[in-house]
Amino acid sequence: METWQDYVEHLTSFGKVTQAAIVGLDGTIWAQSPELNISSDEISQILAGFKDDSILLAAGIHINGVKYMYRRPYENQIQFKYQETGVHIAKTTTCIIIGTYIAGMEPIHTQVEISRTQELLLEAGY
């Protein structure tokens, strides 16, 4: 893939990730789905949560005006859920990959796609 936007479009093209974004660890949005609204405060909270998940346990996160509750951590990955929707986020050495899913989608499929992108970026030095 040639651009960060290509990664986002690839993530959302198979029906397993509804919206996606790639955000640098400095908080800069590298690419995102047009309909994904995430503020700099929300990004800061997510990044801080990778260092100290008690922040996420206490407050969850807001994306697109929806409050998602912290569900579970994995190694360099975290999940959030609200009713039948959710967010899966993975961290590399330089960025985070955010993917959402909606009701009717299998959360594991979103997790797999975000994890694959995480692996690709790590292998490429990101």
N, C-alpha and C. Protein backbone atom coordinates (compact mmCIF):
# COMPACT_ATOMS: atom_id res chain seq x y z
N MET A 1 0.83 -1.17 0.00
CA MET A 1 0.00 0.00 0.00
C MET A 1 0.88 1.23 0.00
N GLU A 2 0.44 2.22 -0.73
CA GLU A 2 1.29 3.39 -0.94
C GLU A 2 1.06 4.51 0.06
N THR A 3 -0.17 4.65 0.54
CA THR A 3 -0.45 5.75 1.47
C THR A 3 -1.15 5.20 2.72
N TRP A 4 -1.17 6.03 3.77
CA TRP A 4 -1.88 5.64 4.98
C TRP A 4 -3.37 5.48 4.70
N GLN A 5 -3.90 6.32 3.82
CA GLN A 5 -5.31 6.21 3.47
C GLN A 5 -5.61 4.87 2.80
N ASP A 6 -4.64 4.33 2.04
CA ASP A 6 -4.81 3.01 1.44
C ASP A 6 -5.04 1.94 2.51
N TYR A 7 -4.31 2.04 3.61
CA TYR A 7 -4.49 1.08 4.71
C TYR A 7 -5.90 1.19 5.28
N VAL A 8 -6.37 2.41 5.50
CA VAL A 8 -7.71 2.62 6.04
C VAL A 8 -8.76 2.07 5.08
N GLU A 9 -8.62 2.36 3.81
CA GLU A 9 -9.59 1.88 2.82
C GLU A 9 -9.56 0.37 2.72
N HIS A 10 -8.38 -0.22 2.82
CA HIS A 10 -8.25 -1.68 2.81
C HIS A 10 -8.98 -2.29 4.02
N LEU A 11 -8.77 -1.70 5.19
CA LEU A 11 -9.42 -2.20 6.40
C LEU A 11 -10.94 -2.22 6.28
N THR A 12 -11.50 -1.20 5.67
CA THR A 12 -12.96 -1.07 5.62
C THR A 12 -13.58 -1.70 4.38
N SER A 13 -12.79 -2.25 3.49
CA SER A 13 -13.33 -2.73 2.21
C SER A 13 -13.92 -4.14 2.26
N PHE A 14 -13.71 -4.89 3.33
CA PHE A 14 -14.17 -6.27 3.37
C PHE A 14 -15.38 -6.50 4.28
N GLY A 15 -15.92 -5.42 4.85
CA GLY A 15 -17.10 -5.56 5.68
C GLY A 15 -16.84 -6.08 7.09
N LYS A 16 -15.58 -6.04 7.52
CA LYS A 16 -15.24 -6.52 8.86
C LYS A 16 -14.85 -5.38 9.79
N VAL A 17 -14.61 -4.22 9.22
CA VAL A 17 -14.31 -3.00 9.96
C VAL A 17 -15.19 -1.91 9.35
N THR A 18 -16.00 -1.25 10.18
CA THR A 18 -16.91 -0.23 9.66
C THR A 18 -16.18 1.07 9.36
N GLN A 19 -15.40 1.54 10.32
CA GLN A 19 -14.64 2.77 10.19
C GLN A 19 -13.24 2.51 10.74
N ALA A 20 -12.26 3.25 10.23
CA ALA A 20 -10.89 3.03 10.69
C ALA A 20 -10.10 4.34 10.67
N ALA A 21 -9.04 4.33 11.46
CA ALA A 21 -8.11 5.46 11.47
C ALA A 21 -6.73 4.94 11.85
N ILE A 22 -5.73 5.65 11.38
CA ILE A 22 -4.35 5.41 11.80
C ILE A 22 -3.85 6.74 12.35
N VAL A 23 -3.38 6.69 13.59
CA VAL A 23 -3.00 7.90 14.32
C VAL A 23 -1.60 7.73 14.88
N GLY A 24 -0.74 8.72 14.65
CA GLY A 24 0.61 8.68 15.19
C GLY A 24 0.61 8.77 16.70
N LEU A 25 1.65 8.25 17.33
CA LEU A 25 1.74 8.30 18.79
C LEU A 25 1.87 9.72 19.31
N ASP A 26 2.10 10.67 18.40
CA ASP A 26 2.11 12.09 18.79
C ASP A 26 0.71 12.70 18.72
N GLY A 27 -0.30 11.90 18.34
CA GLY A 27 -1.68 12.37 18.27
C GLY A 27 -2.11 12.85 16.91
N THR A 28 -1.21 12.86 15.93
CA THR A 28 -1.53 13.31 14.58
C THR A 28 -2.29 12.23 13.82
N ILE A 29 -3.42 12.59 13.24
CA ILE A 29 -4.18 11.64 12.43
C ILE A 29 -3.50 11.50 11.08
N TRP A 30 -3.05 10.28 10.77
CA TRP A 30 -2.39 10.02 9.49
C TRP A 30 -3.41 9.74 8.40
N ALA A 31 -4.49 9.04 8.75
CA ALA A 31 -5.55 8.72 7.79
C ALA A 31 -6.77 8.27 8.58
N GLN A 32 -7.96 8.47 7.99
CA GLN A 32 -9.17 8.03 8.67
C GLN A 32 -10.32 7.92 7.69
N SER A 33 -11.30 7.11 8.06
CA SER A 33 -12.54 7.04 7.29
C SER A 33 -13.24 8.39 7.40
N PRO A 34 -13.88 8.84 6.32
CA PRO A 34 -14.52 10.16 6.34
C PRO A 34 -15.56 10.31 7.45
N GLU A 35 -16.27 9.24 7.77
CA GLU A 35 -17.34 9.32 8.75
C GLU A 35 -16.88 9.09 10.19
N LEU A 36 -15.61 8.83 10.39
CA LEU A 36 -15.08 8.61 11.74
C LEU A 36 -14.66 9.94 12.34
N ASN A 37 -15.37 10.34 13.39
CA ASN A 37 -15.07 11.60 14.07
C ASN A 37 -14.39 11.29 15.39
N ILE A 38 -13.14 11.65 15.49
CA ILE A 38 -12.38 11.43 16.72
C ILE A 38 -11.60 12.70 17.02
N SER A 39 -11.75 13.18 18.22
CA SER A 39 -11.12 14.45 18.59
C SER A 39 -9.71 14.23 19.13
N SER A 40 -8.96 15.30 19.22
CA SER A 40 -7.61 15.21 19.78
C SER A 40 -7.65 14.80 21.25
N ASP A 41 -8.68 15.22 21.98
CA ASP A 41 -8.82 14.80 23.38
C ASP A 41 -9.06 13.30 23.48
N GLU A 42 -9.89 12.77 22.58
CA GLU A 42 -10.16 11.33 22.57
C GLU A 42 -8.90 10.55 22.23
N ILE A 43 -8.15 11.05 21.27
CA ILE A 43 -6.89 10.40 20.90
C ILE A 43 -5.93 10.42 22.09
N SER A 44 -5.82 11.55 22.74
CA SER A 44 -4.93 11.65 23.91
C SER A 44 -5.31 10.66 25.00
N GLN A 45 -6.61 10.51 25.21
CA GLN A 45 -7.08 9.57 26.23
C GLN A 45 -6.73 8.13 25.86
N ILE A 46 -6.90 7.77 24.60
CA ILE A 46 -6.55 6.42 24.14
C ILE A 46 -5.06 6.18 24.32
N LEU A 47 -4.24 7.13 23.88
CA LEU A 47 -2.79 6.97 24.00
C LEU A 47 -2.37 6.84 25.45
N ALA A 48 -2.96 7.65 26.32
CA ALA A 48 -2.65 7.56 27.76
C ALA A 48 -3.09 6.21 28.31
N GLY A 49 -4.18 5.67 27.80
CA GLY A 49 -4.69 4.38 28.25
C GLY A 49 -3.78 3.22 27.94
N PHE A 50 -2.98 3.34 26.89
CA PHE A 50 -2.01 2.29 26.60
C PHE A 50 -0.92 2.25 27.67
N LYS A 51 -0.67 3.38 28.31
CA LYS A 51 0.34 3.44 29.38
C LYS A 51 -0.26 3.07 30.73
N ASP A 52 -1.52 3.45 30.94
CA ASP A 52 -2.18 3.23 32.23
C ASP A 52 -3.66 2.96 31.97
N ASP A 53 -4.04 1.69 31.96
CA ASP A 53 -5.41 1.37 31.58
C ASP A 53 -6.45 1.73 32.63
N SER A 54 -6.02 2.18 33.81
CA SER A 54 -7.00 2.62 34.81
C SER A 54 -7.79 3.83 34.30
N ILE A 55 -7.18 4.61 33.43
CA ILE A 55 -7.86 5.76 32.81
C ILE A 55 -9.05 5.26 31.99
N LEU A 56 -8.82 4.19 31.24
CA LEU A 56 -9.87 3.64 30.38
C LEU A 56 -10.93 2.91 31.20
N LEU A 57 -10.51 2.23 32.25
CA LEU A 57 -11.46 1.54 33.12
C LEU A 57 -12.43 2.52 33.76
N ALA A 58 -11.93 3.66 34.15
CA ALA A 58 -12.76 4.66 34.84
C ALA A 58 -13.72 5.38 33.90
N ALA A 59 -13.26 5.72 32.71
CA ALA A 59 -14.05 6.61 31.86
C ALA A 59 -14.45 6.05 30.51
N GLY A 60 -13.85 4.95 30.07
CA GLY A 60 -14.11 4.48 28.72
C GLY A 60 -13.57 5.49 27.72
N ILE A 61 -14.08 5.45 26.50
CA ILE A 61 -13.70 6.44 25.48
C ILE A 61 -14.95 6.88 24.72
N HIS A 62 -14.84 8.02 24.07
CA HIS A 62 -15.89 8.51 23.20
C HIS A 62 -15.36 8.56 21.77
N ILE A 63 -16.11 7.99 20.85
CA ILE A 63 -15.80 8.08 19.42
C ILE A 63 -17.13 8.26 18.70
N ASN A 64 -17.19 9.22 17.79
CA ASN A 64 -18.43 9.52 17.06
C ASN A 64 -19.58 9.82 18.01
N GLY A 65 -19.29 10.42 19.15
CA GLY A 65 -20.33 10.78 20.10
C GLY A 65 -20.88 9.63 20.93
N VAL A 66 -20.29 8.45 20.80
CA VAL A 66 -20.73 7.27 21.54
C VAL A 66 -19.70 6.95 22.62
N LYS A 67 -20.18 6.68 23.83
CA LYS A 67 -19.28 6.29 24.90
C LYS A 67 -19.14 4.77 24.89
N TYR A 68 -17.92 4.32 24.71
CA TYR A 68 -17.60 2.89 24.72
C TYR A 68 -16.91 2.55 26.03
N MET A 69 -17.30 1.42 26.59
CA MET A 69 -16.69 0.98 27.84
C MET A 69 -15.52 0.04 27.54
N TYR A 70 -14.51 0.18 28.35
CA TYR A 70 -13.31 -0.64 28.25
C TYR A 70 -13.69 -2.10 28.47
N ARG A 71 -13.32 -2.94 27.54
CA ARG A 71 -13.71 -4.35 27.62
C ARG A 71 -12.57 -5.24 28.05
N ARG A 72 -11.47 -5.20 27.31
CA ARG A 72 -10.34 -6.03 27.70
C ARG A 72 -9.07 -5.60 26.99
N PRO A 73 -7.94 -5.82 27.66
CA PRO A 73 -6.65 -5.53 27.02
C PRO A 73 -6.04 -6.80 26.44
N TYR A 74 -5.26 -6.64 25.44
CA TYR A 74 -4.38 -7.67 24.90
C TYR A 74 -3.01 -7.03 24.84
N GLU A 75 -2.02 -7.77 24.43
CA GLU A 75 -0.70 -7.17 24.30
C GLU A 75 -0.74 -6.12 23.19
N ASN A 76 -0.57 -4.87 23.57
CA ASN A 76 -0.61 -3.72 22.64
C ASN A 76 -1.92 -3.60 21.88
N GLN A 77 -3.00 -4.11 22.46
CA GLN A 77 -4.33 -3.97 21.87
C GLN A 77 -5.35 -3.78 22.99
N ILE A 78 -6.40 -3.02 22.68
CA ILE A 78 -7.49 -2.84 23.64
C ILE A 78 -8.83 -2.86 22.90
N GLN A 79 -9.86 -3.30 23.61
CA GLN A 79 -11.20 -3.36 23.04
C GLN A 79 -12.17 -2.55 23.88
N PHE A 80 -13.16 -2.00 23.19
CA PHE A 80 -14.22 -1.24 23.84
C PHE A 80 -15.55 -1.70 23.26
N LYS A 81 -16.61 -1.57 24.06
CA LYS A 81 -17.91 -2.02 23.60
C LYS A 81 -19.01 -1.08 24.08
N TYR A 82 -20.03 -0.91 23.24
CA TYR A 82 -21.26 -0.23 23.62
C TYR A 82 -22.40 -1.01 22.97
N GLN A 83 -23.23 -1.63 23.77
CA GLN A 83 -24.32 -2.48 23.29
C GLN A 83 -23.76 -3.49 22.28
N GLU A 84 -24.21 -3.45 21.04
CA GLU A 84 -23.74 -4.41 20.03
C GLU A 84 -22.67 -3.84 19.11
N THR A 85 -22.12 -2.68 19.47
CA THR A 85 -21.08 -2.05 18.66
C THR A 85 -19.79 -2.00 19.47
N GLY A 86 -18.69 -1.73 18.79
CA GLY A 86 -17.44 -1.67 19.53
C GLY A 86 -16.29 -1.08 18.74
N VAL A 87 -15.16 -1.01 19.41
CA VAL A 87 -13.93 -0.45 18.85
C VAL A 87 -12.78 -1.36 19.24
N HIS A 88 -11.92 -1.63 18.30
CA HIS A 88 -10.70 -2.38 18.58
C HIS A 88 -9.52 -1.48 18.18
N ILE A 89 -8.54 -1.36 19.06
CA ILE A 89 -7.39 -0.48 18.82
C ILE A 89 -6.11 -1.26 19.06
N ALA A 90 -5.17 -1.15 18.13
CA ALA A 90 -3.88 -1.81 18.26
C ALA A 90 -2.77 -0.77 18.15
N LYS A 91 -1.69 -1.02 18.86
CA LYS A 91 -0.57 -0.08 18.90
C LYS A 91 0.67 -0.71 18.27
N THR A 92 1.38 0.10 17.49
CA THR A 92 2.69 -0.29 16.96
C THR A 92 3.73 0.61 17.62
N THR A 93 4.93 0.60 17.11
CA THR A 93 5.97 1.45 17.70
C THR A 93 5.80 2.92 17.36
N THR A 94 5.00 3.23 16.32
CA THR A 94 4.83 4.63 15.91
C THR A 94 3.39 5.11 15.82
N CYS A 95 2.41 4.20 15.89
CA CYS A 95 1.03 4.62 15.68
C CYS A 95 0.04 3.68 16.36
N ILE A 96 -1.23 4.09 16.33
CA ILE A 96 -2.32 3.20 16.72
C ILE A 96 -3.25 3.04 15.52
N ILE A 97 -3.86 1.87 15.44
CA ILE A 97 -4.83 1.56 14.40
C ILE A 97 -6.17 1.40 15.09
N ILE A 98 -7.16 2.16 14.67
CA ILE A 98 -8.48 2.14 15.29
C ILE A 98 -9.47 1.56 14.29
N GLY A 99 -10.28 0.61 14.74
CA GLY A 99 -11.32 0.04 13.89
C GLY A 99 -12.61 -0.12 14.66
N THR A 100 -13.73 0.22 14.03
CA THR A 100 -15.03 0.08 14.68
C THR A 100 -15.84 -1.02 14.00
N TYR A 101 -16.80 -1.54 14.75
CA TYR A 101 -17.76 -2.48 14.18
C TYR A 101 -19.16 -2.12 14.68
N ILE A 102 -20.16 -2.55 13.92
CA ILE A 102 -21.55 -2.23 14.26
C ILE A 102 -22.31 -3.51 14.58
N ALA A 103 -23.56 -3.34 15.04
CA ALA A 103 -24.41 -4.48 15.35
C ALA A 103 -24.52 -5.40 14.14
N GLY A 104 -24.46 -6.69 14.40
CA GLY A 104 -24.53 -7.68 13.32
C GLY A 104 -23.18 -8.14 12.83
N MET A 105 -22.13 -7.43 13.19
CA MET A 105 -20.77 -7.82 12.80
C MET A 105 -20.15 -8.62 13.94
N GLU A 106 -19.25 -9.52 13.60
CA GLU A 106 -18.53 -10.30 14.60
C GLU A 106 -17.31 -9.51 15.09
N PRO A 107 -17.25 -9.18 16.38
CA PRO A 107 -16.11 -8.43 16.91
C PRO A 107 -14.76 -9.08 16.62
N ILE A 108 -14.74 -10.41 16.61
CA ILE A 108 -13.47 -11.11 16.36
C ILE A 108 -12.94 -10.80 14.96
N HIS A 109 -13.83 -10.60 14.00
CA HIS A 109 -13.39 -10.27 12.64
C HIS A 109 -12.71 -8.90 12.60
N THR A 110 -13.27 -7.95 13.34
CA THR A 110 -12.64 -6.63 13.43
C THR A 110 -11.28 -6.75 14.10
N GLN A 111 -11.22 -7.52 15.18
CA GLN A 111 -9.95 -7.72 15.88
C GLN A 111 -8.90 -8.32 14.96
N VAL A 112 -9.29 -9.32 14.17
CA VAL A 112 -8.34 -9.98 13.26
C VAL A 112 -7.81 -8.99 12.23
N GLU A 113 -8.69 -8.19 11.64
CA GLU A 113 -8.25 -7.23 10.62
C GLU A 113 -7.33 -6.17 11.20
N ILE A 114 -7.66 -5.66 12.38
CA ILE A 114 -6.81 -4.66 13.02
C ILE A 114 -5.47 -5.29 13.39
N SER A 115 -5.49 -6.53 13.88
CA SER A 115 -4.25 -7.23 14.24
C SER A 115 -3.36 -7.47 13.02
N ARG A 116 -3.96 -7.83 11.90
CA ARG A 116 -3.18 -8.03 10.66
C ARG A 116 -2.50 -6.74 10.23
N THR A 117 -3.23 -5.66 10.30
CA THR A 117 -2.64 -4.37 9.93
C THR A 117 -1.53 -4.00 10.90
N GLN A 118 -1.74 -4.26 12.17
CA GLN A 118 -0.70 -4.03 13.18
C GLN A 118 0.57 -4.81 12.82
N GLU A 119 0.43 -6.08 12.49
CA GLU A 119 1.58 -6.91 12.12
C GLU A 119 2.28 -6.37 10.88
N LEU A 120 1.51 -6.00 9.86
CA LEU A 120 2.10 -5.44 8.64
C LEU A 120 2.92 -4.19 8.93
N LEU A 121 2.36 -3.31 9.74
CA LEU A 121 3.06 -2.06 10.05
C LEU A 121 4.30 -2.33 10.91
N LEU A 122 4.21 -3.25 11.85
CA LEU A 122 5.38 -3.59 12.66
C LEU A 122 6.49 -4.17 11.79
N GLU A 123 6.13 -5.06 10.86
CA GLU A 123 7.11 -5.65 9.95
C GLU A 123 7.76 -4.59 9.06
N ALA A 124 7.01 -3.54 8.74
CA ALA A 124 7.53 -2.47 7.89
C ALA A 124 8.29 -1.41 8.69
N GLY A 125 8.43 -1.62 10.00
CA GLY A 125 9.19 -0.69 10.82
C GLY A 125 8.39 0.41 11.46
N TYR A 126 7.07 0.29 11.39
CA TYR A 126 6.20 1.30 12.01
C TYR A 126 5.65 0.77 13.32
